[in-house]
């Protein structure tokens, strides 16, 4: 996938003018967010489960080598093979070699963000293996030749009429000449076309939501069942996953599954939760003849013990982007790489480099909503601040911005001057904007005024109000300095 994260601002401006995208994102916001709220309220122990899920992943990250070796041992006992890949290139070449070992011409694929991360589809196509996406969302964006725009709903940026036009254009070669307009009819048409492809494929490739060290099992969580057909029917099943997907036991898996679906789609459980353990055995009625797990590092082991380690708890539920006001405004493609939304803003600079991804950690109001809904309690705003600090220290942040921060910091270290400057600034702007009550444009504030008016300041500074309230009520109670400030 081509990286366009360095053009985030231009991408965002383009997205803000896309009416179809606005329509699609509005439906996403209310559908996923409202469903999650209802599902969480119906489970009194949800917060306790979040704590337990976080602790499970922390335990894994503290002994990752042990659990990965245990997983490899169990896979081998079940007749499978684990392939260790440090880089995306190694992972791509390993998968291609496995496909060639069975002379594969086509392979069916279940949805996999790791496959997107390593740009697997174009690589296979270039080398004579045709990948066929079987998840409906992935199938739609494959036809559109676009990357996913959401972790769990890759085609959420598409409206129903756009999907109908896309199917009509690409399904004519299958004899489909009537434009369908109902969701059920479009789903039925896709199923009819994909059915034979499942039977014809030589290899099935899936991702993995989790890997269980106790049994050597890989787990996929879906609502369509396409993943089951992808891994059971072909000669060979290839699982591509990253190293942090490991969980110790099946009991631990069940704990995390209880927060995954509720956080992702607002379901109590996804429709299909499929465990795959090794290749087909002599007594099995179906299953692949060969089972391979391709484990990708791609810099993840370097994150252990750093400020970024907590990102490895992510279970790819998408709750952070479902709640993010920036994502709701610009969609996933604006972020310019595989992982969009808040998790992408925190994770992408690690993978594509901070210089290319410098804008992403700034694409947040630091409202904390993403952290509040994350089932694994990942402190995303803290990681945004880490990247912002790092960009400033390495002089990646543009010079005018660094200079402005430097001026602010100079005043911030001198409280009396800071308060004086605040009073002067509010006084001047208040008088200039008194008549209109707002500014349509203002020097150094174009990022705000391009999209909205800036209200003219009124009254006194925050410090003055704070001093007055503190004098009236006495010193604030420890740990609660602002709650009653303006009550």
Protein backbone atom coordinates (compact mmCIF):
# COMPACT_ATOMS: atom_id res chain seq x y z
CA UNK A 1 0.00 0.00 0.00
CA UNK A 2 1.33 3.42 -0.95
CA UNK A 3 1.98 5.62 2.07
CA UNK A 4 0.26 9.02 1.88
CA UNK A 5 0.33 9.86 5.59
CA UNK A 6 2.67 12.78 4.93
CA UNK A 7 -0.24 14.34 2.98
CA UNK A 8 -2.72 13.93 5.84
CA UNK A 9 -3.79 17.57 5.79
CA UNK A 10 -4.52 17.48 2.05
CA UNK A 11 -6.23 14.10 2.43
CA UNK A 12 -8.39 15.47 5.23
CA UNK A 13 -9.40 18.57 3.27
CA UNK A 14 -10.45 16.37 0.36
CA UNK A 15 -12.43 14.07 2.64
CA UNK A 16 -14.26 17.00 4.26
CA UNK A 17 -15.70 17.90 0.86
CA UNK A 18 -16.89 14.36 0.03
CA UNK A 19 -20.68 14.22 0.58
CA UNK A 20 -20.88 10.44 0.04
CA UNK A 21 -18.24 9.93 2.72
CA UNK A 22 -20.14 12.16 5.14
CA UNK A 23 -23.28 10.08 4.62
CA UNK A 24 -21.44 6.79 5.15
CA UNK A 25 -19.57 7.98 8.25
CA UNK A 26 -22.71 9.39 9.85
CA UNK A 27 -24.34 5.96 9.70
CA UNK A 28 -21.18 4.32 11.05
CA UNK A 29 -20.97 6.71 14.00
CA UNK A 30 -24.47 6.05 15.22
CA UNK A 31 -24.63 2.34 14.41
CA UNK A 32 -21.45 1.16 16.12
CA UNK A 33 -21.41 3.71 18.94
CA UNK A 34 -25.00 3.19 20.02
CA UNK A 35 -24.74 -0.59 19.79
CA UNK A 36 -21.62 -0.59 21.94
CA UNK A 37 -23.28 1.54 24.59
CA UNK A 38 -26.24 -0.82 24.85
CA UNK A 39 -24.04 -3.93 24.94
CA UNK A 40 -21.81 -2.54 27.68
CA UNK A 41 -24.73 -1.39 29.82
CA UNK A 42 -26.20 -4.90 29.61
CA UNK A 43 -23.05 -6.46 31.11
CA UNK A 44 -22.46 -5.26 34.69
CA UNK A 45 -19.02 -6.87 34.88
CA UNK A 46 -17.73 -5.21 31.67
CA UNK A 47 -15.24 -2.92 33.43
CA UNK A 48 -13.88 -5.82 35.45
CA UNK A 49 -13.47 -7.83 32.24
CA UNK A 50 -11.57 -4.93 30.69
CA UNK A 51 -9.14 -4.99 33.60
CA UNK A 52 -8.69 -8.74 33.32
CA UNK A 53 -8.20 -8.56 29.53
CA UNK A 54 -5.56 -5.86 29.98
CA UNK A 55 -3.78 -7.94 32.61
CA UNK A 56 -3.77 -11.02 30.37
CA UNK A 57 -2.08 -9.12 27.56
CA UNK A 58 0.40 -7.52 29.95
CA UNK A 59 1.31 -10.97 31.22
CA UNK A 60 1.88 -12.15 27.64
CA UNK A 61 4.04 -9.16 26.75
CA UNK A 62 6.14 -9.76 29.86
CA UNK A 63 7.00 -13.30 28.69
CA UNK A 64 6.33 -13.14 24.95
CA UNK A 65 9.20 -15.43 23.96
CA UNK A 66 7.95 -18.17 26.29
CA UNK A 67 4.38 -18.09 24.97
CA UNK A 68 5.47 -17.97 21.34
CA UNK A 69 7.75 -21.00 21.78
CA UNK A 70 4.93 -22.82 23.54
CA UNK A 71 2.60 -21.99 20.66
CA UNK A 72 5.10 -23.26 18.06
CA UNK A 73 5.53 -26.52 19.99
CA UNK A 74 1.76 -27.12 20.10
CA UNK A 75 1.32 -26.30 16.39
CA UNK A 76 4.02 -28.83 15.53
CA UNK A 77 2.34 -31.48 17.71
CA UNK A 78 -0.84 -30.98 15.64
CA UNK A 79 0.99 -31.44 12.34
CA UNK A 80 1.41 -27.75 11.49
CA UNK A 81 4.43 -25.54 10.87
CA UNK A 82 5.28 -22.08 12.21
CA UNK A 83 7.35 -19.75 10.03
CA UNK A 84 9.16 -16.87 11.77
CA UNK A 85 9.38 -13.69 9.69
CA UNK A 86 11.12 -10.55 10.88
CA UNK A 87 10.11 -8.32 7.95
CA UNK A 88 7.12 -7.93 5.62
CA UNK A 89 9.28 -9.07 2.72
CA UNK A 90 10.15 -12.32 4.48
CA UNK A 91 6.46 -12.91 5.23
CA UNK A 92 5.42 -12.27 1.61
CA UNK A 93 8.09 -14.56 0.21
CA UNK A 94 7.26 -17.30 2.71
CA UNK A 95 3.59 -17.22 1.72
CA UNK A 96 4.43 -17.22 -1.99
CA UNK A 97 6.76 -20.21 -1.50
CA UNK A 98 4.00 -22.12 0.30
CA UNK A 99 1.54 -21.32 -2.51
CA UNK A 100 4.01 -22.51 -5.13
CA UNK A 101 4.59 -25.73 -3.22
CA UNK A 102 1.05 -26.79 -4.14
CA UNK A 103 1.14 -25.07 -7.56
CA UNK A 104 -1.57 -22.65 -6.49
CA UNK A 105 -3.12 -20.41 -9.13
CA UNK A 106 -5.75 -18.87 -6.88
CA UNK A 107 -6.14 -18.42 -3.15
CA UNK A 108 -9.15 -17.34 -1.14
CA UNK A 109 -8.50 -14.86 1.65
CA UNK A 110 -10.28 -14.00 4.85
CA UNK A 111 -9.99 -10.44 6.15
CA UNK A 112 -6.52 -9.78 7.54
CA UNK A 113 -4.98 -6.47 8.56
CA UNK A 114 -1.56 -8.14 8.66
CA UNK A 115 -1.98 -9.10 5.00
CA UNK A 116 -2.67 -5.42 4.34
CA UNK A 117 0.37 -4.45 6.41
CA UNK A 118 2.69 -6.59 4.31
CA UNK A 119 0.94 -5.65 1.01
CA UNK A 120 0.29 -9.32 0.27
CA UNK A 121 -2.32 -9.07 -2.48
CA UNK A 122 -0.31 -7.09 -5.06
CA UNK A 123 2.74 -9.27 -4.37
CA UNK A 124 0.83 -12.48 -5.04
CA UNK A 125 -0.72 -11.02 -8.19
CA UNK A 126 2.69 -10.00 -9.50
CA UNK A 127 3.87 -13.58 -8.99
CA UNK A 128 1.04 -15.44 -10.68
CA UNK A 129 -1.26 -16.20 -7.73
CA UNK A 130 -4.70 -14.55 -7.80
CA UNK A 131 -5.96 -13.61 -4.30
CA UNK A 132 -9.75 -13.53 -3.88
CA UNK A 133 -11.12 -11.62 -0.91
CA UNK A 134 -14.09 -13.41 0.66
CA UNK A 135 -15.09 -11.00 3.44
CA UNK A 136 -17.83 -8.85 1.90
CA UNK A 137 -16.19 -5.57 2.90
CA UNK A 138 -12.78 -6.66 1.62
CA UNK A 139 -14.39 -8.00 -1.55
CA UNK A 140 -16.00 -4.60 -2.18
CA UNK A 141 -12.76 -2.66 -1.79
CA UNK A 142 -10.87 -5.22 -3.87
CA UNK A 143 -13.29 -4.53 -6.72
CA UNK A 144 -12.84 -0.80 -6.12
CA UNK A 145 -9.03 -1.17 -5.93
CA UNK A 146 -8.95 0.69 -2.62
CA UNK A 147 -7.40 0.00 0.78
CA UNK A 148 -9.61 -0.59 3.84
CA UNK A 149 -10.88 2.49 5.65
CA UNK A 150 -11.76 0.80 8.95
CA UNK A 151 -10.30 -2.12 10.90
CA UNK A 152 -13.52 -4.14 11.18
CA UNK A 153 -15.58 -2.54 8.41
CA UNK A 154 -13.17 -2.04 5.51
CA UNK A 155 -15.83 -0.63 3.18
CA UNK A 156 -17.70 1.63 5.63
CA UNK A 157 -16.80 4.61 3.45
CA UNK A 158 -19.01 3.25 0.66
CA UNK A 159 -22.70 4.08 0.40
CA UNK A 160 -25.24 1.53 -0.82
CA UNK A 161 -25.62 3.14 -4.29
CA UNK A 162 -21.84 3.12 -4.72
CA UNK A 163 -21.70 -0.61 -3.93
CA UNK A 164 -24.58 -1.28 -6.32
CA UNK A 165 -22.76 0.53 -9.14
CA UNK A 166 -19.55 -1.32 -8.36
CA UNK A 167 -21.22 -4.74 -8.48
CA UNK A 168 -22.98 -3.92 -11.74
CA UNK A 169 -19.68 -2.89 -13.32
CA UNK A 170 -17.69 -5.94 -12.21
CA UNK A 171 -20.32 -8.68 -12.24
CA UNK A 172 -21.35 -8.29 -15.87
CA UNK A 173 -18.82 -10.96 -16.82
CA UNK A 174 -20.77 -13.38 -14.62
CA UNK A 175 -23.98 -12.58 -16.44
CA UNK A 176 -25.30 -10.14 -13.82
CA UNK A 177 -26.83 -7.29 -15.82
CA UNK A 178 -29.44 -6.01 -13.38
CA UNK A 179 -28.48 -3.33 -10.85
CA UNK A 180 -29.46 -4.52 -7.37
CA UNK A 181 -30.52 -1.90 -4.85
CA UNK A 182 -31.32 -3.89 -1.70
CA UNK A 183 -28.56 -5.00 0.73
CA UNK A 184 -29.86 -8.59 0.85
CA UNK A 185 -29.77 -8.84 -2.95
CA UNK A 186 -26.22 -7.48 -3.12
CA UNK A 187 -25.04 -9.93 -0.46
CA UNK A 188 -26.72 -12.81 -2.30
CA UNK A 189 -25.07 -11.81 -5.56
CA UNK A 190 -21.62 -11.71 -3.95
CA UNK A 191 -22.17 -15.11 -2.32
CA UNK A 192 -23.26 -16.67 -5.59
CA UNK A 193 -20.15 -15.46 -7.39
CA UNK A 194 -17.76 -16.39 -4.59
CA UNK A 195 -19.14 -19.88 -3.99
CA UNK A 196 -17.30 -21.56 -6.84
CA UNK A 197 -14.10 -19.70 -6.01
CA UNK A 198 -14.00 -21.38 -2.60
CA UNK A 199 -14.13 -24.76 -4.31
CA UNK A 200 -11.53 -23.89 -6.94
CA UNK A 201 -8.93 -22.31 -4.66
CA UNK A 202 -5.74 -24.26 -3.93
CA UNK A 203 -4.83 -22.27 -0.82
CA UNK A 204 -6.84 -20.46 1.84
CA UNK A 205 -5.24 -17.54 3.69
CA UNK A 206 -6.69 -16.08 6.87
CA UNK A 207 -5.55 -13.73 9.54
CA UNK A 208 -5.92 -14.53 13.22
CA UNK A 209 -7.58 -12.52 15.94
CA UNK A 210 -5.77 -14.63 18.52
CA UNK A 211 -3.21 -17.44 18.86
CA UNK A 212 -3.56 -19.79 21.85
CA UNK A 213 -0.29 -21.00 23.37
CA UNK A 214 -2.00 -23.77 25.35
CA UNK A 215 -3.33 -25.63 22.28
CA UNK A 216 -1.57 -24.19 19.21
CA UNK A 217 -4.94 -22.98 17.91
CA UNK A 218 -5.58 -19.93 15.74
CA UNK A 219 -8.86 -18.05 16.10
CA UNK A 220 -10.83 -15.96 13.63
CA UNK A 221 -13.87 -13.92 14.64
CA UNK A 222 -16.35 -13.13 11.85
CA UNK A 223 -20.00 -12.44 11.13
CA UNK A 224 -20.13 -14.05 7.70
CA UNK A 225 -18.65 -17.54 7.91
CA UNK A 226 -16.43 -16.85 4.92
CA UNK A 227 -13.35 -17.54 7.00
CA UNK A 228 -14.51 -21.09 7.71
CA UNK A 229 -14.88 -21.89 3.99
CA UNK A 230 -11.54 -20.23 3.29
CA UNK A 231 -9.63 -22.45 5.69
CA UNK A 232 -11.52 -25.77 5.42
CA UNK A 233 -11.87 -26.34 1.66
CA UNK A 234 -8.42 -25.75 0.08
CA UNK A 235 -5.41 -28.07 0.14
CA UNK A 236 -3.50 -25.72 2.41
CA UNK A 237 -4.46 -23.24 5.12
CA UNK A 238 -2.01 -20.38 5.74
CA UNK A 239 -2.50 -18.17 8.79
CA UNK A 240 -0.69 -14.83 8.77
CA UNK A 241 -0.53 -13.11 12.15
CA UNK A 242 1.68 -10.83 14.22
CA UNK A 243 3.53 -12.01 17.29
CA UNK A 244 1.49 -10.09 19.88
CA UNK A 245 -1.73 -11.97 19.02
CA UNK A 246 -0.82 -14.72 21.47
CA UNK A 247 -2.91 -15.50 24.58
CA UNK A 248 -1.94 -18.11 27.18
CA UNK A 249 -5.04 -20.33 27.45
CA UNK A 250 -8.51 -20.96 26.07
CA UNK A 251 -9.95 -19.51 29.28
CA UNK A 252 -8.00 -16.29 28.69
CA UNK A 253 -9.31 -16.28 25.13
CA UNK A 254 -12.90 -16.45 26.34
CA UNK A 255 -12.34 -13.46 28.63
CA UNK A 256 -11.03 -11.26 25.83
CA UNK A 257 -13.74 -12.41 23.41
CA UNK A 258 -16.36 -11.09 25.85
CA UNK A 259 -15.00 -7.54 25.47
CA UNK A 260 -14.08 -7.79 21.77
CA UNK A 261 -17.50 -8.10 20.13
CA UNK A 262 -19.15 -5.65 22.52
CA UNK A 263 -16.46 -3.07 21.77
CA UNK A 264 -16.39 -3.67 18.03
CA UNK A 265 -19.97 -4.06 16.84
CA UNK A 266 -22.01 -4.01 20.04
CA UNK A 267 -22.78 -7.73 19.84
CA UNK A 268 -22.58 -10.05 22.82
CA UNK A 269 -20.56 -12.39 20.60
CA UNK A 270 -19.70 -12.45 16.94
CA UNK A 271 -21.71 -14.91 14.83
CA UNK A 272 -18.69 -17.13 14.13
CA UNK A 273 -15.74 -17.76 16.43
CA UNK A 274 -13.66 -20.42 14.73
CA UNK A 275 -10.72 -22.28 16.25
CA UNK A 276 -8.28 -24.04 13.91
CA UNK A 277 -5.86 -26.52 15.37
CA UNK A 278 -3.48 -28.15 12.90
CA UNK A 279 -4.07 -29.90 9.59
CA UNK A 280 -6.78 -32.45 8.82
CA UNK A 281 -6.37 -35.64 10.84
CA UNK A 282 -7.31 -39.13 9.67
CA UNK A 283 -10.63 -39.08 11.51
CA UNK A 284 -11.61 -35.57 10.33
CA UNK A 285 -14.34 -35.16 7.73
CA UNK A 286 -12.88 -31.94 6.34
CA UNK A 287 -10.04 -29.49 6.76
CA UNK A 288 -6.83 -28.58 4.92
CA UNK A 289 -4.13 -31.13 4.20
CA UNK A 290 -1.44 -28.69 5.36
CA UNK A 291 -1.47 -26.02 8.06
CA UNK A 292 1.06 -23.18 8.25
CA UNK A 293 1.31 -20.16 10.54
CA UNK A 294 3.37 -17.19 9.32
CA UNK A 295 4.33 -15.07 12.32
CA UNK A 296 5.36 -11.47 11.61
CA UNK A 297 7.47 -9.27 13.85
CA UNK A 298 7.94 -6.10 11.76
CA UNK A 299 9.37 -4.08 14.63
CA UNK A 300 6.98 -5.26 17.32
CA UNK A 301 9.66 -6.92 19.44
CA UNK A 302 11.45 -3.54 19.51
CA UNK A 303 8.39 -2.02 21.20
CA UNK A 304 8.69 -4.27 24.25
CA UNK A 305 9.91 -2.25 27.23
CA UNK A 306 9.34 1.12 25.53
CA UNK A 307 6.67 3.81 25.68
CA UNK A 308 4.93 2.00 22.82
CA UNK A 309 4.57 -1.42 24.48
CA UNK A 310 0.95 -0.82 25.52
CA UNK A 311 -0.03 -0.58 21.85
CA UNK A 312 0.67 -4.31 21.58
CA UNK A 313 -2.40 -4.96 23.71
CA UNK A 314 -4.63 -3.83 20.82
CA UNK A 315 -7.16 -6.45 19.69
CA UNK A 316 -8.21 -4.51 16.56
CA UNK A 317 -11.81 -3.92 17.63
CA UNK A 318 -12.08 -0.46 16.08
CA UNK A 319 -13.80 1.09 19.10
CA UNK A 320 -11.33 3.99 19.18
CA UNK A 321 -12.14 5.09 15.64
CA UNK A 322 -15.86 4.55 16.18
CA UNK A 323 -15.70 7.18 18.94
CA UNK A 324 -13.16 9.58 17.41
CA UNK A 325 -14.45 12.96 16.17
CA UNK A 326 -11.53 13.30 13.76
CA UNK A 327 -12.16 9.90 12.17
CA UNK A 328 -15.87 10.71 11.91
CA UNK A 329 -14.98 13.85 9.97
CA UNK A 330 -12.31 12.58 7.55
CA UNK A 331 -12.65 8.77 7.42
CA UNK A 332 -9.91 6.18 7.31
CA UNK A 333 -8.21 6.86 3.97
CA UNK A 334 -7.05 10.30 5.10
CA UNK A 335 -4.59 8.64 7.50
CA UNK A 336 -2.70 7.31 4.51
CA UNK A 337 -1.67 3.85 5.64
CA UNK A 338 -3.03 0.52 6.84
CA UNK A 339 -4.19 1.45 10.33
CA UNK A 340 -6.54 4.47 10.51
CA UNK A 341 -8.08 6.38 13.39
CA UNK A 342 -6.54 6.80 16.84
CA UNK A 343 -4.81 3.41 16.85
CA UNK A 344 -3.26 4.28 13.48
CA UNK A 345 -2.19 7.70 14.74
CA UNK A 346 -0.35 5.96 17.58
CA UNK A 347 0.95 2.93 15.67
CA UNK A 348 1.69 4.08 12.11
CA UNK A 349 4.68 6.34 12.94
CA UNK A 350 6.44 3.24 14.25
CA UNK A 351 5.94 1.35 10.99
CA UNK A 352 6.29 4.08 8.35
CA UNK A 353 8.62 6.41 10.23
CA UNK A 354 7.87 9.52 12.23
CA UNK A 355 8.78 11.85 9.38
CA UNK A 356 6.13 10.30 7.12
CA UNK A 357 3.60 9.96 9.95
CA UNK A 358 4.26 13.21 11.84
CA UNK A 359 0.77 14.63 11.24
CA UNK A 360 -1.11 11.60 12.58
CA UNK A 361 -0.46 12.04 16.33
CA UNK A 362 -1.64 15.64 15.91
CA UNK A 363 -4.94 14.46 14.39
CA UNK A 364 -6.51 14.29 17.82
CA UNK A 365 -8.10 16.81 20.18
CA UNK A 366 -6.76 14.72 23.09
CA UNK A 367 -10.34 14.42 24.33
CA UNK A 368 -9.58 10.95 25.71
CA UNK A 369 -12.67 9.29 24.20
CA UNK A 370 -10.53 6.69 22.42
CA UNK A 371 -8.91 5.61 25.68
CA UNK A 372 -12.23 5.57 27.52
CA UNK A 373 -13.76 3.04 25.10
CA UNK A 374 -10.66 0.90 24.46
CA UNK A 375 -11.36 -2.58 25.88
CA UNK A 376 -7.66 -3.05 26.57
CA UNK A 377 -7.26 0.35 28.27
CA UNK A 378 -4.51 1.53 25.92
CA UNK A 379 -3.53 5.13 26.88
CA UNK A 380 -3.67 6.48 23.33
CA UNK A 381 -3.51 10.21 24.21
CA UNK A 382 -0.32 9.57 26.19
CA UNK A 383 1.21 7.93 23.11
CA UNK A 384 0.13 10.83 20.89
CA UNK A 385 1.99 13.16 23.25
CA UNK A 386 5.03 10.87 23.12
CA UNK A 387 5.16 11.13 19.31
CA UNK A 388 4.59 14.89 19.41
CA UNK A 389 7.47 15.31 21.87
CA UNK A 390 9.70 13.11 19.75
CA UNK A 391 8.90 15.02 16.56
CA UNK A 392 9.72 18.29 18.35
CA UNK A 393 13.00 16.94 19.76
CA UNK A 394 14.10 15.56 16.39
CA UNK A 395 13.13 18.83 14.65
CA UNK A 396 10.63 17.04 12.42
CA UNK A 397 7.91 19.45 13.50
CA UNK A 398 7.91 22.46 11.10
CA UNK A 399 10.06 25.39 12.21
CA UNK A 400 7.19 27.90 12.61
CA UNK A 401 5.36 25.46 14.87
CA UNK A 402 8.47 24.79 16.94
CA UNK A 403 9.11 28.51 17.22
CA UNK A 404 5.55 29.12 18.39
CA UNK A 405 5.79 26.39 21.00
CA UNK A 406 9.13 27.82 22.10
CA UNK A 407 7.59 31.26 22.64
CA UNK A 408 4.68 29.75 24.57
CA UNK A 409 7.08 27.69 26.71
CA UNK A 410 9.14 30.78 27.51
CA UNK A 411 6.04 32.52 28.89
CA UNK A 412 4.73 29.34 30.57
CA UNK A 413 7.92 29.14 32.64
CA UNK A 414 7.29 32.70 33.84
CA UNK A 415 3.79 32.64 35.40
CA UNK A 416 3.45 36.37 36.05
CA UNK A 417 4.39 37.26 32.46
CA UNK A 418 2.09 34.49 31.18
CA UNK A 419 -0.88 35.92 33.07
CA UNK A 420 -0.09 39.43 31.93
CA UNK A 421 0.18 38.33 28.29
CA UNK A 422 -3.10 36.40 28.61
CA UNK A 423 -4.90 39.46 29.96
CA UNK A 424 -3.48 41.68 27.22
CA UNK A 425 -4.31 39.17 24.49
CA UNK A 426 -7.88 38.67 25.65
CA UNK A 427 -8.34 42.40 26.07
CA UNK A 428 -7.10 43.26 22.58
CA UNK A 429 -8.99 40.47 20.82
CA UNK A 430 -12.10 41.21 22.85
CA UNK A 431 -12.12 44.84 21.72
CA UNK A 432 -11.33 43.98 18.08
CA UNK A 433 -14.10 41.40 17.90
CA UNK A 434 -16.64 43.13 20.12
CA UNK A 435 -18.86 44.36 17.28
CA UNK A 436 -19.17 41.08 15.34
CA UNK A 437 -18.63 38.80 18.29
CA UNK A 438 -16.42 36.56 16.16
CA UNK A 439 -13.51 36.48 13.72
CA UNK A 440 -13.85 35.12 10.19
CA UNK A 441 -10.08 35.10 9.82
CA UNK A 442 -7.17 35.72 12.13
CA UNK A 443 -3.38 35.56 11.71
CA UNK A 444 -1.87 32.30 12.95
CA UNK A 445 -5.36 30.82 13.37
CA UNK A 446 -6.16 29.81 9.78
CA UNK A 447 -6.39 26.16 10.77
CA UNK A 448 -9.47 27.09 12.78
CA UNK A 449 -11.00 29.90 10.72
CA UNK A 450 -10.85 28.04 7.40
CA UNK A 451 -13.69 25.84 8.62
CA UNK A 452 -15.47 27.94 11.26
CA UNK A 453 -15.60 31.34 12.90
CA UNK A 454 -13.50 32.02 15.99
CA UNK A 455 -15.61 33.49 18.83
CA UNK A 456 -14.25 36.76 20.18
CA UNK A 457 -13.08 36.32 23.79
CA UNK A 458 -15.20 37.78 26.54
CA UNK A 459 -14.67 38.36 30.24
CA UNK A 460 -11.58 37.40 32.18
CA UNK A 461 -8.83 34.82 31.80
CA UNK A 462 -9.00 31.31 33.17
CA UNK A 463 -6.36 32.19 35.79
CA UNK A 464 -8.43 35.11 37.06
CA UNK A 465 -11.54 32.98 37.35
CA UNK A 466 -9.58 30.24 39.06
CA UNK A 467 -8.12 32.61 41.61
CA UNK A 468 -11.56 34.03 42.36
CA UNK A 469 -13.18 30.62 42.81
CA UNK A 470 -10.31 29.31 44.90
CA UNK A 471 -10.50 32.36 47.16
CA UNK A 472 -14.26 31.96 47.52
CA UNK A 473 -14.23 28.22 48.26
CA UNK A 474 -10.80 27.63 49.69
CA UNK A 475 -8.07 25.38 48.27
CA UNK A 476 -9.32 22.54 46.04
CA UNK A 477 -9.54 19.03 47.38
CA UNK A 478 -6.68 16.76 46.40
CA UNK A 479 -7.25 15.00 43.07
CA UNK A 480 -10.27 17.16 42.15
CA UNK A 481 -8.97 20.61 41.14
CA UNK A 482 -11.35 21.44 38.28
CA UNK A 483 -14.58 19.52 38.74
CA UNK A 484 -16.48 22.27 40.55
CA UNK A 485 -14.69 25.23 39.04
CA UNK A 486 -17.63 26.52 37.02
CA UNK A 487 -20.51 24.79 38.78
